Amino acid sequence: MTRIRPAAAQLSRRAFCHALALAPAAALPLPAWAQAAYPTRPVRFVLPFGAGGVADVTSRLVADKLGEKLGQRIVVENMPGAGGIAAARAVLQAPADGYTLALITNGNAISAALFKSLPFDLLKDFAPISTIGTFECLFIVNADSPYRTLQDVLKAMRDQPGKLNVGTINPGSTQHLTAELFKATAGLDFVHVPHRTSPEAVIALLRNDVQVVIDFYAALKPGIVDGKARALAWSGPQPSPALPNVPAAAQAGVPGFDVVSWNSMGAPAGTPPAVIDTLNRGLREVLADAELKRRALDVGIDLKPSAPAEVEARLRSDIDKWNRLIDRAGIQRQ
């Protein structure tokens, strides 16, 4: 009979103990101990706007770069309408796995304040990921206007209450509420004239049907570049790098005035923290790209990443701001 040497017996016992230790791990389901890296397939990015607008163009630029960074395509889908409700529903009906994302904007904050009820809770049903960029409204006048500065406009509105017309796009839009906040903050009386589109508002300005237009830089840039319109002030607390020589309204006669629009990326609540972190880190790297920043700034968007908590804080602050303004201005909730 062959006798097992002590050393060999010791080795056998070690091998047995090692195999025994591995057995529980081997019995676990694969996802519990060897999860695949995210993402492993294309990701949907749902926008509450139509194709061709500034938000659409910028989102596609960012999505392409982020997709390259993550190694998977990020496919932009346009779902405009109803204050962003259609897009939000599409995202919230998808699994909370990071493969369906939402573009969440200050427009969603306005909707949360403007609509009496929504089929979702913006703060509870979404997990914020990061801000994409910020952009402000611009106050412009006709190049032939006697108003050379925002102070000139303020004086005219105070000297002739209710005589000047201010054009924006649709009631309930960021541009409209910017005009209402301008009126309330500066204690002014002017006539708000809504238009269906930005080009219609600019045409009205050139005809002198309205004396001031408030809109985003991308919509007003052609008239400014052509010398047909003159920029007077930004709506943010400081000048935008898109036109750094144009002052902020707060610096030009309306202390405390501050409206900054923003876009951000979000996901359904319950999305794994590791996925949120992967997307946040990816966006931080992508939004630092010099060429991407230049292309975005060309249409007035300053690319700025943020922590998820900062997006949530901005949402809460804006919802509160627009709620107070809507009450103060007597704007009818929908």
C-alpha atoms as a PDB file:
ATOM      1  CA  MET A   1       0.000   0.000   0.000  1.00  0.00           C
ATOM      2  CA  THR A   2       1.318   3.429  -0.936  1.00  0.00           C
ATOM      3  CA  ARG A   3       1.787   5.725   2.011  1.00  0.00           C
ATOM      4  CA  ILE A   4       1.061   9.479   1.638  1.00  0.00           C
ATOM      5  CA  ARG A   5       4.013  11.519   2.704  1.00  0.00           C
ATOM      6  CA  PRO A   6       3.328  14.237   5.297  1.00  0.00           C
ATOM      7  CA  ALA A   7       4.145  17.067   2.831  1.00  0.00           C
ATOM      8  CA  ALA A   8       1.828  15.638   0.198  1.00  0.00           C
ATOM      9  CA  ALA A   9      -0.913  15.169   2.743  1.00  0.00           C
ATOM     10  CA  GLN A  10      -0.532  18.800   3.822  1.00  0.00           C
ATOM     11  CA  LEU A  11      -0.754  19.965   0.186  1.00  0.00           C
ATOM     12  CA  SER A  12      -3.911  17.920  -0.359  1.00  0.00           C
ATOM     13  CA  ARG A  13      -5.557  19.444   2.697  1.00  0.00           C
ATOM     14  CA  ARG A  14      -4.683  22.942   1.474  1.00  0.00           C
ATOM     15  CA  ALA A  15      -6.118  22.258  -1.967  1.00  0.00           C
ATOM     16  CA  PHE A  16      -9.295  20.898  -0.415  1.00  0.00           C
ATOM     17  CA  CYS A  17      -9.715  23.945   1.852  1.00  0.00           C
ATOM     18  CA  HIS A  18      -9.074  26.293  -1.079  1.00  0.00           C
ATOM     19  CA  ALA A  19     -11.708  24.558  -3.190  1.00  0.00           C
ATOM     20  CA  LEU A  20     -14.148  24.670  -0.285  1.00  0.00           C
ATOM     21  CA  ALA A  21     -13.597  28.417   0.124  1.00  0.00           C
ATOM     22  CA  LEU A  22     -14.295  29.051  -3.552  1.00  0.00           C
ATOM     23  CA  ALA A  23     -17.483  26.983  -3.630  1.00  0.00           C
ATOM     24  CA  PRO A  24     -19.880  29.682  -2.257  1.00  0.00           C
ATOM     25  CA  ALA A  25     -18.553  32.268  -4.726  1.00  0.00           C
ATOM     26  CA  ALA A  26     -18.890  29.860  -7.613  1.00  0.00           C
ATOM     27  CA  ALA A  27     -22.484  29.207  -6.622  1.00  0.00           C
ATOM     28  CA  LEU A  28     -23.403  32.921  -6.762  1.00  0.00           C
ATOM     29  CA  PRO A  29     -25.214  34.298  -9.833  1.00  0.00           C
ATOM     30  CA  LEU A  30     -22.803  35.966 -12.265  1.00  0.00           C
ATOM     31  CA  PRO A  31     -24.090  39.545 -11.763  1.00  0.00           C
ATOM     32  CA  ALA A  32     -23.349  39.366  -8.040  1.00  0.00           C
ATOM     33  CA  TRP A  33     -19.634  38.855  -8.435  1.00  0.00           C
ATOM     34  CA  ALA A  34     -18.664  39.681 -11.994  1.00  0.00           C
ATOM     35  CA  GLN A  35     -20.893  42.505 -13.207  1.00  0.00           C
ATOM     36  CA  ALA A  36     -20.347  43.700 -16.787  1.00  0.00           C
ATOM     37  CA  ALA A  37     -19.120  47.264 -17.180  1.00  0.00           C
ATOM     38  CA  TYR A  38     -21.707  49.902 -18.162  1.00  0.00           C
ATOM     39  CA  PRO A  39     -22.643  50.514 -20.927  1.00  0.00           C
ATOM     40  CA  THR A  40     -22.700  47.334 -23.001  1.00  0.00           C
ATOM     41  CA  ARG A  41     -25.213  48.547 -25.599  1.00  0.00           C
ATOM     42  CA  PRO A  42     -26.445  51.850 -27.103  1.00  0.00           C
ATOM     43  CA  VAL A  43     -28.048  54.400 -24.794  1.00  0.00           C
ATOM     44  CA  ARG A  44     -31.174  56.506 -25.567  1.00  0.00           C
ATOM     45  CA  PHE A  45     -31.066  60.226 -24.783  1.00  0.00           C
ATOM     46  CA  VAL A  46     -34.592  61.670 -24.953  1.00  0.00           C
ATOM     47  CA  LEU A  47     -35.052  65.403 -25.628  1.00  0.00           C
ATOM     48  CA  PRO A  48     -38.261  67.387 -25.013  1.00  0.00           C
ATOM     49  CA  PHE A  49     -37.528  69.509 -28.115  1.00  0.00           C
ATOM     50  CA  GLY A  50     -37.753  69.111 -31.859  1.00  0.00           C
ATOM     51  CA  ALA A  51     -34.797  68.561 -34.151  1.00  0.00           C
ATOM     52  CA  GLY A  52     -32.637  71.458 -35.301  1.00  0.00           C
ATOM     53  CA  GLY A  53     -32.884  73.756 -32.287  1.00  0.00           C
ATOM     54  CA  VAL A  54     -29.996  74.851 -30.092  1.00  0.00           C
ATOM     55  CA  ALA A  55     -30.745  72.258 -27.394  1.00  0.00           C
ATOM     56  CA  ASP A  56     -30.944  69.529 -30.033  1.00  0.00           C
ATOM     57  CA  VAL A  57     -27.720  70.507 -31.789  1.00  0.00           C
ATOM     58  CA  THR A  58     -25.780  70.888 -28.542  1.00  0.00           C
ATOM     59  CA  SER A  59     -27.141  67.645 -27.101  1.00  0.00           C
ATOM     60  CA  ARG A  60     -26.090  65.752 -30.210  1.00  0.00           C
ATOM     61  CA  LEU A  61     -22.565  67.177 -30.035  1.00  0.00           C
ATOM     62  CA  VAL A  62     -22.275  66.176 -26.386  1.00  0.00           C
ATOM     63  CA  ALA A  63     -23.912  62.775 -26.951  1.00  0.00           C
ATOM     64  CA  ASP A  64     -21.482  61.931 -29.753  1.00  0.00           C
ATOM     65  CA  LYS A  65     -18.469  62.807 -27.609  1.00  0.00           C
ATOM     66  CA  LEU A  66     -19.817  61.011 -24.548  1.00  0.00           C
ATOM     67  CA  GLY A  67     -20.588  57.932 -26.642  1.00  0.00           C
ATOM     68  CA  GLU A  68     -17.010  57.870 -27.879  1.00  0.00           C
ATOM     69  CA  LYS A  69     -15.815  58.158 -24.291  1.00  0.00           C
ATOM     70  CA  LEU A  70     -18.018  55.319 -23.034  1.00  0.00           C
ATOM     71  CA  GLY A  71     -17.538  53.073 -26.050  1.00  0.00           C
ATOM     72  CA  GLN A  72     -21.238  52.920 -26.984  1.00  0.00           C
ATOM     73  CA  ARG A  73     -23.493  55.069 -29.155  1.00  0.00           C
ATOM     74  CA  ILE A  74     -25.779  57.542 -27.390  1.00  0.00           C
ATOM     75  CA  VAL A  75     -28.811  57.916 -29.641  1.00  0.00           C
ATOM     76  CA  VAL A  76     -30.699  61.214 -29.396  1.00  0.00           C
ATOM     77  CA  GLU A  77     -34.502  60.975 -29.697  1.00  0.00           C
ATOM     78  CA  ASN A  78     -36.697  64.081 -30.100  1.00  0.00           C
ATOM     79  CA  MET A  79     -40.063  64.082 -28.316  1.00  0.00           C
ATOM     80  CA  PRO A  80     -41.354  67.674 -28.254  1.00  0.00           C
ATOM     81  CA  GLY A  81     -44.652  68.812 -26.829  1.00  0.00           C
ATOM     82  CA  ALA A  82     -46.732  69.489 -23.709  1.00  0.00           C
ATOM     83  CA  GLY A  83     -44.063  71.168 -21.627  1.00  0.00           C
ATOM     84  CA  GLY A  84     -41.738  68.181 -21.790  1.00  0.00           C
ATOM     85  CA  ILE A  85     -44.343  65.724 -20.536  1.00  0.00           C
ATOM     86  CA  ALA A  86     -44.093  63.338 -23.518  1.00  0.00           C
ATOM     87  CA  ALA A  87     -40.326  63.043 -23.191  1.00  0.00           C
ATOM     88  CA  ALA A  88     -40.480  62.606 -19.418  1.00  0.00           C
ATOM     89  CA  ARG A  89     -43.052  59.845 -19.719  1.00  0.00           C
ATOM     90  CA  ALA A  90     -40.943  57.985 -22.265  1.00  0.00           C
ATOM     91  CA  VAL A  91     -37.949  58.023 -19.929  1.00  0.00           C
ATOM     92  CA  LEU A  92     -39.887  57.069 -16.801  1.00  0.00           C
ATOM     93  CA  GLN A  93     -41.548  54.126 -18.553  1.00  0.00           C
ATOM     94  CA  ALA A  94     -38.105  52.659 -19.292  1.00  0.00           C
ATOM     95  CA  PRO A  95     -36.125  50.520 -16.832  1.00  0.00           C
ATOM     96  CA  ALA A  96     -33.925  52.445 -14.392  1.00  0.00           C
ATOM     97  CA  ASP A  97     -30.754  50.886 -15.771  1.00  0.00           C
ATOM     98  CA  GLY A  98     -28.958  53.832 -17.385  1.00  0.00           C
ATOM     99  CA  TYR A  99     -29.939  52.940 -20.943  1.00  0.00           C
ATOM    100  CA  THR A 100     -32.645  55.627 -21.216  1.00  0.00           C
ATOM    101  CA  LEU A 101     -31.664  59.160 -20.218  1.00  0.00           C
ATOM    102  CA  ALA A 102     -33.475  62.508 -20.221  1.00  0.00           C
ATOM    103  CA  LEU A 103     -32.539  66.062 -21.078  1.00  0.00           C
ATOM    104  CA  ILE A 104     -33.854  68.003 -18.081  1.00  0.00           C
ATOM    105  CA  THR A 105     -33.899  71.794 -18.368  1.00  0.00           C
ATOM    106  CA  ASN A 106     -35.053  74.954 -16.658  1.00  0.00           C
ATOM    107  CA  GLY A 107     -38.110  74.528 -18.898  1.00  0.00           C
ATOM    108  CA  ASN A 108     -39.038  71.488 -16.806  1.00  0.00           C
ATOM    109  CA  ALA A 109     -38.737  73.638 -13.687  1.00  0.00           C
ATOM    110  CA  ILE A 110     -41.095  76.174 -15.279  1.00  0.00           C
ATOM    111  CA  SER A 111     -43.552  73.403 -16.158  1.00  0.00           C
ATOM    112  CA  ALA A 112     -43.468  72.176 -12.564  1.00  0.00           C
ATOM    113  CA  ALA A 113     -44.509  75.674 -11.471  1.00  0.00           C
ATOM    114  CA  LEU A 114     -46.880  76.473 -14.353  1.00  0.00           C
ATOM    115  CA  PHE A 115     -48.920  73.259 -14.589  1.00  0.00           C
ATOM    116  CA  LYS A 116     -51.451  72.548 -11.859  1.00  0.00           C
ATOM    117  CA  SER A 117     -50.506  68.890 -11.985  1.00  0.00           C
ATOM    118  CA  LEU A 118     -48.024  66.741 -13.871  1.00  0.00           C
ATOM    119  CA  PRO A 119     -48.018  62.942 -14.334  1.00  0.00           C
ATOM    120  CA  PHE A 120     -44.655  62.791 -12.559  1.00  0.00           C
ATOM    121  CA  ASP A 121     -42.695  64.462  -9.771  1.00  0.00           C
ATOM    122  CA  LEU A 122     -39.638  66.126 -11.239  1.00  0.00           C
ATOM    123  CA  LEU A 123     -37.716  65.957  -7.965  1.00  0.00           C
ATOM    124  CA  LYS A 124     -38.684  62.421  -6.917  1.00  0.00           C
ATOM    125  CA  ASP A 125     -38.961  60.512 -10.181  1.00  0.00           C
ATOM    126  CA  PHE A 126     -35.647  61.535 -11.751  1.00  0.00           C
ATOM    127  CA  ALA A 127     -32.042  61.019 -10.677  1.00  0.00           C
ATOM    128  CA  PRO A 128     -29.911  64.008 -11.759  1.00  0.00           C
ATOM    129  CA  ILE A 129     -26.550  63.264 -13.361  1.00  0.00           C
ATOM    130  CA  SER A 130     -24.895  66.548 -14.337  1.00  0.00           C
ATOM    131  CA  THR A 131     -25.503  69.950 -15.825  1.00  0.00           C
ATOM    132  CA  ILE A 132     -24.518  70.120 -19.500  1.00  0.00           C
ATOM    133  CA  GLY A 133     -24.457  73.874 -20.028  1.00  0.00           C
ATOM    134  CA  THR A 134     -25.874  77.249 -19.084  1.00  0.00           C
ATOM    135  CA  PHE A 135     -27.148  80.044 -21.309  1.00  0.00           C
ATOM    136  CA  GLU A 136     -28.877  83.374 -20.809  1.00  0.00           C
ATOM    137  CA  CYS A 137     -31.483  85.489 -22.533  1.00  0.00           C
ATOM    138  CA  LEU A 138     -30.405  88.637 -24.296  1.00  0.00           C
ATOM    139  CA  PHE A 139     -32.206  91.989 -24.434  1.00  0.00           C
ATOM    140  CA  ILE A 140     -31.961  93.536 -27.905  1.00  0.00           C
ATOM    141  CA  VAL A 141     -33.329  96.577 -29.742  1.00  0.00           C
ATOM    142  CA  ASN A 142     -33.452  97.626 -33.372  1.00  0.00           C
ATOM    143  CA  ALA A 143     -30.128  99.042 -34.563  1.00  0.00           C
ATOM    144  CA  ASP A 144     -31.978 102.300 -35.365  1.00  0.00           C
ATOM    145  CA  SER A 145     -33.533 102.469 -31.903  1.00  0.00           C
ATOM    146  CA  PRO A 146     -32.902 105.584 -29.801  1.00  0.00           C
ATOM    147  CA  TYR A 147     -32.212 103.282 -26.863  1.00  0.00           C
ATOM    148  CA  ARG A 148     -28.474 102.764 -26.650  1.00  0.00           C
ATOM    149  CA  THR A 149     -28.358 101.077 -23.241  1.00  0.00           C
ATOM    150  CA  LEU A 150     -30.651  99.172 -20.932  1.00  0.00           C
ATOM    151  CA  GLN A 151     -30.817 102.289 -18.754  1.00  0.00           C
ATOM    152  CA  ASP A 152     -32.354 104.113 -21.738  1.00  0.00           C
ATOM    153  CA  VAL A 153     -35.041 101.439 -21.990  1.00  0.00           C
ATOM    154  CA  LEU A 154     -35.729 101.609 -18.248  1.00  0.00           C
ATOM    155  CA  LYS A 155     -36.105 105.394 -18.389  1.00  0.00           C
ATOM    156  CA  ALA A 156     -38.471 105.219 -21.368  1.00  0.00           C
ATOM    157  CA  MET A 157     -40.622 102.581 -19.675  1.00  0.00           C
ATOM    158  CA  ARG A 158     -40.827 104.649 -16.506  1.00  0.00           C
ATOM    159  CA  ASP A 159     -41.499 107.898 -18.345  1.00  0.00           C
ATOM    160  CA  GLN A 160     -44.166 106.289 -20.564  1.00  0.00           C
ATOM    161  CA  PRO A 161     -45.790 103.450 -18.599  1.00  0.00           C
ATOM    162  CA  GLY A 162     -47.479 100.875 -20.827  1.00  0.00           C
ATOM    163  CA  LYS A 163     -46.244 102.457 -24.075  1.00  0.00           C
ATOM    164  CA  LEU A 164     -43.327 100.191 -25.013  1.00  0.00           C
ATOM    165  CA  ASN A 165     -43.838  96.697 -26.395  1.00  0.00           C
ATOM    166  CA  VAL A 166     -41.591  93.776 -25.464  1.00  0.00           C
ATOM    167  CA  GLY A 167     -41.574  90.723 -27.707  1.00  0.00           C
ATOM    168  CA  THR A 168     -40.846  87.113 -26.719  1.00  0.00           C
ATOM    169  CA  ILE A 169     -41.952  83.713 -27.892  1.00  0.00           C
ATOM    170  CA  ASN A 170     -44.865  81.696 -26.462  1.00  0.00           C
ATOM    171  CA  PRO A 171     -46.553  82.506 -23.149  1.00  0.00           C
ATOM    172  CA  GLY A 172     -45.123  80.291 -20.430  1.00  0.00           C
ATOM    173  CA  SER A 173     -41.719  80.064 -22.123  1.00  0.00           C
ATOM    174  CA  THR A 174     -38.477  80.939 -20.362  1.00  0.00           C
ATOM    175  CA  GLN A 175     -38.303  84.076 -22.510  1.00  0.00           C
ATOM    176  CA  HIS A 176     -41.803  85.177 -21.498  1.00  0.00           C
ATOM    177  CA  LEU A 177     -41.170  84.592 -17.811  1.00  0.00           C
ATOM    178  CA  THR A 178     -37.849  86.428 -18.107  1.00  0.00           C
ATOM    179  CA  ALA A 179     -39.806  89.434 -19.371  1.00  0.00           C
ATOM    180  CA  GLU A 180     -42.277  89.117 -16.502  1.00  0.00           C
ATOM    181  CA  LEU A 181     -39.474  88.882 -13.941  1.00  0.00           C
ATOM    182  CA  PHE A 182     -37.832  91.939 -15.547  1.00  0.00           C
ATOM    183  CA  LYS A 183     -41.112  93.838 -15.166  1.00  0.00           C
ATOM    184  CA  ALA A 184     -41.560  92.762 -11.551  1.00  0.00           C
ATOM    185  CA  THR A 185     -37.946  93.292 -10.454  1.00  0.00           C
ATOM    186  CA  ALA A 186     -37.596  96.748 -12.013  1.00  0.00           C
ATOM    187  CA  GLY A 187     -41.171  97.853 -11.228  1.00  0.00           C
ATOM    188  CA  LEU A 188     -42.031  98.487 -14.882  1.00  0.00           C
ATOM    189  CA  ASP A 189     -45.174  98.685 -16.976  1.00  0.00           C
ATOM    190  CA  PHE A 190     -44.879  97.526 -20.583  1.00  0.00           C
ATOM    191  CA  VAL A 191     -46.919  95.469 -23.027  1.00  0.00           C
ATOM    192  CA  HIS A 192     -45.827  91.877 -23.547  1.00  0.00           C
ATOM    193  CA  VAL A 193     -46.307  90.728 -27.158  1.00  0.00           C
ATOM    194  CA  PRO A 194     -45.975  86.955 -27.623  1.00  0.00           C
ATOM    195  CA  HIS A 195     -44.900  85.428 -30.947  1.00  0.00           C
ATOM    196  CA  ARG A 196     -45.002  81.830 -32.170  1.00  0.00           C
ATOM    197  CA  THR A 197     -41.326  81.793 -33.161  1.00  0.00           C
ATOM    198  CA  SER A 198     -38.140  83.746 -32.548  1.00  0.00           C
ATOM    199  CA  PRO A 199     -37.844  84.901 -36.198  1.00  0.00           C
ATOM    200  CA  GLU A 200     -41.345  86.396 -35.955  1.00  0.00           C
ATOM    201  CA  ALA A 201     -40.315  88.352 -32.862  1.00  0.00           C
ATOM    202  CA  VAL A 202     -37.198  89.653 -34.616  1.00  0.00           C
ATOM    203  CA  ILE A 203     -39.235  90.727 -37.664  1.00  0.00           C
ATOM    204  CA  ALA A 204     -41.576  92.605 -35.325  1.00  0.00           C
ATOM    205  CA  LEU A 205     -38.540  94.343 -33.819  1.00  0.00           C
ATOM    206  CA  LEU A 206     -37.220  95.390 -37.226  1.00  0.00           C
ATOM    207  CA  ARG A 207     -40.659  96.803 -38.087  1.00  0.00           C
ATOM    208  CA  ASN A 208     -40.758  98.612 -34.727  1.00  0.00           C
ATOM    209  CA  ASP A 209     -43.926  96.736 -33.780  1.00  0.00           C
ATOM    210  CA  VAL A 210     -42.040  95.881 -30.603  1.00  0.00           C
ATOM    211  CA  GLN A 211     -39.236  97.980 -29.178  1.00  0.00           C
ATOM    212  CA  VAL A 212     -37.389  95.257 -27.253  1.00  0.00           C
ATOM    213  CA  VAL A 213     -37.015  91.513 -27.802  1.00  0.00           C
ATOM    214  CA  ILE A 214     -35.912  89.050 -25.125  1.00  0.00           C
ATOM    215  CA  ASP A 215     -34.669  85.717 -26.428  1.00  0.00           C
ATOM    216  CA  PHE A 216     -31.701  83.364 -26.415  1.00  0.00           C
ATOM    217  CA  TYR A 217     -28.503  84.378 -28.142  1.00  0.00           C
ATOM    218  CA  ALA A 218     -28.675  81.691 -30.845  1.00  0.00           C
ATOM    219  CA  ALA A 219     -31.999  83.069 -32.087  1.00  0.00           C
ATOM    220  CA  LEU A 220     -30.766  86.677 -32.066  1.00  0.00           C
ATOM    221  CA  LYS A 221     -27.194  86.214 -33.255  1.00  0.00           C
ATOM    222  CA  PRO A 222     -27.872  86.667 -37.026  1.00  0.00           C
ATOM    223  CA  GLY A 223     -29.455  90.089 -36.494  1.00  0.00           C
ATOM    224  CA  ILE A 224     -26.640  91.171 -34.190  1.00  0.00           C
ATOM    225  CA  VAL A 225     -23.930  89.963 -36.571  1.00  0.00           C
ATOM    226  CA  ASP A 226     -25.649  91.678 -39.527  1.00  0.00           C
ATOM    227  CA  GLY A 227     -25.860  94.926 -37.606  1.00  0.00           C
ATOM    228  CA  LYS A 228     -29.670  95.025 -37.688  1.00  0.00           C
ATOM    229  CA  ALA A 229     -30.050  94.634 -33.936  1.00  0.00           C
ATOM    230  CA  ARG A 230     -28.147  95.903 -30.905  1.00  0.00           C
ATOM    231  CA  ALA A 231     -27.568  93.838 -27.765  1.00  0.00           C
ATOM    232  CA  LEU A 232     -28.166  95.739 -24.529  1.00  0.00           C
ATOM    233  CA  ALA A 233     -27.902  93.265 -21.665  1.00  0.00           C
ATOM    234  CA  TRP A 234     -27.763  89.637 -20.567  1.00  0.00           C
ATOM    235  CA  SER A 235     -30.320  88.153 -18.201  1.00  0.00           C
ATOM    236  CA  GLY A 236     -27.721  86.361 -16.061  1.00  0.00           C
ATOM    237  CA  PRO A 237     -25.886  87.819 -13.048  1.00  0.00           C
ATOM    238  CA  GLN A 238     -22.774  88.442 -15.150  1.00  0.00           C
ATOM    239  CA  PRO A 239     -21.910  88.845 -18.840  1.00  0.00           C
ATOM    240  CA  SER A 240     -21.913  85.713 -20.962  1.00  0.00           C
ATOM    241  CA  PRO A 241     -18.611  84.721 -22.589  1.00  0.00           C
ATOM    242  CA  ALA A 242     -20.556  84.631 -25.882  1.00  0.00           C
ATOM    243  CA  LEU A 243     -20.654  88.464 -25.823  1.00  0.00           C
ATOM    244  CA  PRO A 244     -18.441  89.497 -22.896  1.00  0.00           C
ATOM    245  CA  ASN A 245     -18.686  93.226 -23.667  1.00  0.00           C
ATOM    246  CA  VAL A 246     -22.462  93.247 -23.178  1.00  0.00           C
ATOM    247  CA  PRO A 247     -23.310  93.864 -19.500  1.00  0.00           C
ATOM    248  CA  ALA A 248     -25.628  91.842 -17.312  1.00  0.00           C
ATOM    249  CA  ALA A 249     -28.979  93.447 -16.537  1.00  0.00           C
ATOM    250  CA  ALA A 250     -28.051  93.372 -12.855  1.00  0.00           C
ATOM    251  CA  GLN A 251     -25.046  95.564 -13.704  1.00  0.00           C
ATOM    252  CA  ALA A 252     -27.009  97.819 -16.043  1.00  0.00           C
ATOM    253  CA  GLY A 253     -29.812  99.111 -13.877  1.00  0.00           C
ATOM    254  CA  VAL A 254     -31.775  96.122 -12.487  1.00  0.00           C
ATOM    255  CA  PRO A 255     -29.998  94.946  -9.306  1.00  0.00           C
ATOM    256  CA  GLY A 256     -30.826  91.380  -8.318  1.00  0.00           C
ATOM    257  CA  PHE A 257     -32.114  90.378 -11.740  1.00  0.00           C
ATOM    258  CA  ASP A 258     -30.949  86.866 -12.548  1.00  0.00           C
ATOM    259  CA  VAL A 259     -32.256  84.361 -15.098  1.00  0.00           C
ATOM    260  CA  VAL A 260     -29.900  81.632 -16.244  1.00  0.00           C
ATOM    261  CA  SER A 261     -31.234  78.814 -18.380  1.00  0.00           C
ATOM    262  CA  TRP A 262     -29.598  75.410 -18.254  1.00  0.00           C
ATOM    263  CA  ASN A 263     -29.658  71.903 -19.670  1.00  0.00           C
ATOM    264  CA  SER A 264     -28.801  68.774 -17.734  1.00  0.00           C
ATOM    265  CA  MET A 265     -28.775  65.008 -18.072  1.00  0.00           C
ATOM    266  CA  GLY A 266     -30.954  62.843 -15.858  1.00  0.00           C
ATOM    267  CA  ALA A 267     -32.126  59.255 -15.474  1.00  0.00           C
ATOM    268  CA  PRO A 268     -35.105  57.517 -13.880  1.00  0.00           C
ATOM    269  CA  ALA A 269     -34.945  57.409 -10.087  1.00  0.00           C
ATOM    270  CA  GLY A 270     -33.470  54.136  -8.912  1.00  0.00           C
ATOM    271  CA  THR A 271     -30.728  54.060 -11.542  1.00  0.00           C
ATOM    272  CA  PRO A 272     -27.661  52.415  -9.919  1.00  0.00           C
ATOM    273  CA  PRO A 273     -25.267  54.946  -8.337  1.00  0.00           C
ATOM    274  CA  ALA A 274     -22.356  53.375 -10.233  1.00  0.00           C
ATOM    275  CA  VAL A 275     -24.082  54.181 -13.534  1.00  0.00           C
ATOM    276  CA  ILE A 276     -24.776  57.777 -12.436  1.00  0.00           C
ATOM    277  CA  ASP A 277     -21.127  58.109 -11.441  1.00  0.00           C
ATOM    278  CA  THR A 278     -19.887  56.703 -14.773  1.00  0.00           C
ATOM    279  CA  LEU A 279     -22.026  59.169 -16.717  1.00  0.00           C
ATOM    280  CA  ASN A 280     -21.047  62.097 -14.496  1.00  0.00           C
ATOM    281  CA  ARG A 281     -17.330  61.371 -14.852  1.00  0.00           C
ATOM    282  CA  GLY A 282     -17.728  60.926 -18.592  1.00  0.00           C
ATOM    283  CA  LEU A 283     -19.555  64.244 -18.958  1.00  0.00           C
ATOM    284  CA  ARG A 284     -16.936  66.076 -16.906  1.00  0.00           C
ATOM    285  CA  GLU A 285     -14.230  64.932 -19.294  1.00  0.00           C
ATOM    286  CA  VAL A 286     -16.260  65.553 -22.444  1.00  0.00           C
ATOM    287  CA  LEU A 287     -17.442  69.036 -21.440  1.00  0.00           C
ATOM    288  CA  ALA A 288     -13.845  70.109 -20.877  1.00  0.00           C
ATOM    289  CA  ASP A 289     -13.019  69.504 -24.558  1.00  0.00           C
ATOM    290  CA  ALA A 290     -11.829  72.853 -25.971  1.00  0.00           C
ATOM    291  CA  GLU A 291     -13.301  72.379 -29.449  1.00  0.00           C
ATOM    292  CA  LEU A 292     -16.651  71.246 -28.088  1.00  0.00           C
ATOM    293  CA  LYS A 293     -16.731  74.260 -25.743  1.00  0.00           C
ATOM    294  CA  ARG A 294     -15.990  76.576 -28.669  1.00  0.00           C
ATOM    295  CA  ARG A 295     -18.758  75.126 -30.819  1.00  0.00           C
ATOM    296  CA  ALA A 296     -21.287  75.347 -27.984  1.00  0.00           C
ATOM    297  CA  LEU A 297     -20.319  78.913 -27.101  1.00  0.00           C
ATOM    298  CA  ASP A 298     -20.855  79.877 -30.741  1.00  0.00           C
ATOM    299  CA  VAL A 299     -24.584  79.430 -30.072  1.00  0.00           C
ATOM    300  CA  GLY A 300     -24.405  80.946 -26.599  1.00  0.00           C
ATOM    301  CA  ILE A 301     -24.088  77.832 -24.424  1.00  0.00           C
ATOM    302  CA  ASP A 302     -21.368  77.712 -21.789  1.00  0.00           C
ATOM    303  CA  LEU A 303     -20.629  74.023 -21.145  1.00  0.00           C
ATOM    304  CA  LYS A 304     -20.473  73.377 -17.399  1.00  0.00           C
ATOM    305  CA  PRO A 305     -20.590  70.002 -15.625  1.00  0.00           C
ATOM    306  CA  SER A 306     -21.789  69.697 -12.037  1.00  0.00           C
ATOM    307  CA  ALA A 307     -22.427  67.204  -9.270  1.00  0.00           C
ATOM    308  CA  PRO A 308     -25.874  65.535  -9.196  1.00  0.00           C
ATOM    309  CA  ALA A 309     -26.680  67.361  -5.951  1.00  0.00           C
ATOM    310  CA  GLU A 310     -26.066  70.701  -7.650  1.00  0.00           C
ATOM    311  CA  VAL A 311     -28.601  69.863 -10.375  1.00  0.00           C
ATOM    312  CA  GLU A 312     -31.186  68.990  -7.733  1.00  0.00           C
ATOM    313  CA  ALA A 313     -30.507  72.219  -5.832  1.00  0.00           C
ATOM    314  CA  ARG A 314     -30.873  74.258  -9.022  1.00  0.00           C
ATOM    315  CA  LEU A 315     -34.150  72.512  -9.839  1.00  0.00           C
ATOM    316  CA  ARG A 316     -35.577  73.249  -6.396  1.00  0.00           C
ATOM    317  CA  SER A 317     -34.447  76.867  -6.537  1.00  0.00           C
ATOM    318  CA  ASP A 318     -35.893  77.468 -10.014  1.00  0.00           C
ATOM    319  CA  ILE A 319     -39.232  75.807  -9.239  1.00  0.00           C
ATOM    320  CA  ASP A 320     -39.545  78.073  -6.203  1.00  0.00           C
ATOM    321  CA  LYS A 321     -38.529  81.162  -8.215  1.00  0.00           C
ATOM    322  CA  TRP A 322     -41.043  80.553 -10.998  1.00  0.00           C
ATOM    323  CA  ASN A 323     -43.820  79.643  -8.541  1.00  0.00           C
ATOM    324  CA  ARG A 324     -43.381  82.989  -6.806  1.00  0.00           C
ATOM    325  CA  LEU A 325     -43.230  84.911 -10.098  1.00  0.00           C
ATOM    326  CA  ILE A 326     -46.322  83.197 -11.525  1.00  0.00           C
ATOM    327  CA  ASP A 327     -48.259  84.095  -8.372  1.00  0.00           C
ATOM    328  CA  ARG A 328     -46.956  87.667  -8.385  1.00  0.00           C
ATOM    329  CA  ALA A 329     -47.636  88.253 -12.086  1.00  0.00           C
ATOM    330  CA  GLY A 330     -51.064  86.650 -11.945  1.00  0.00           C
ATOM    331  CA  ILE A 331     -50.188  84.210 -14.728  1.00  0.00           C
ATOM    332  CA  GLN A 332     -52.874  81.549 -15.054  1.00  0.00           C
ATOM    333  CA  ARG A 333     -51.694  78.048 -14.295  1.00  0.00           C
ATOM    334  CA  GLN A 334     -52.544  75.423 -16.860  1.00  0.00           C
END
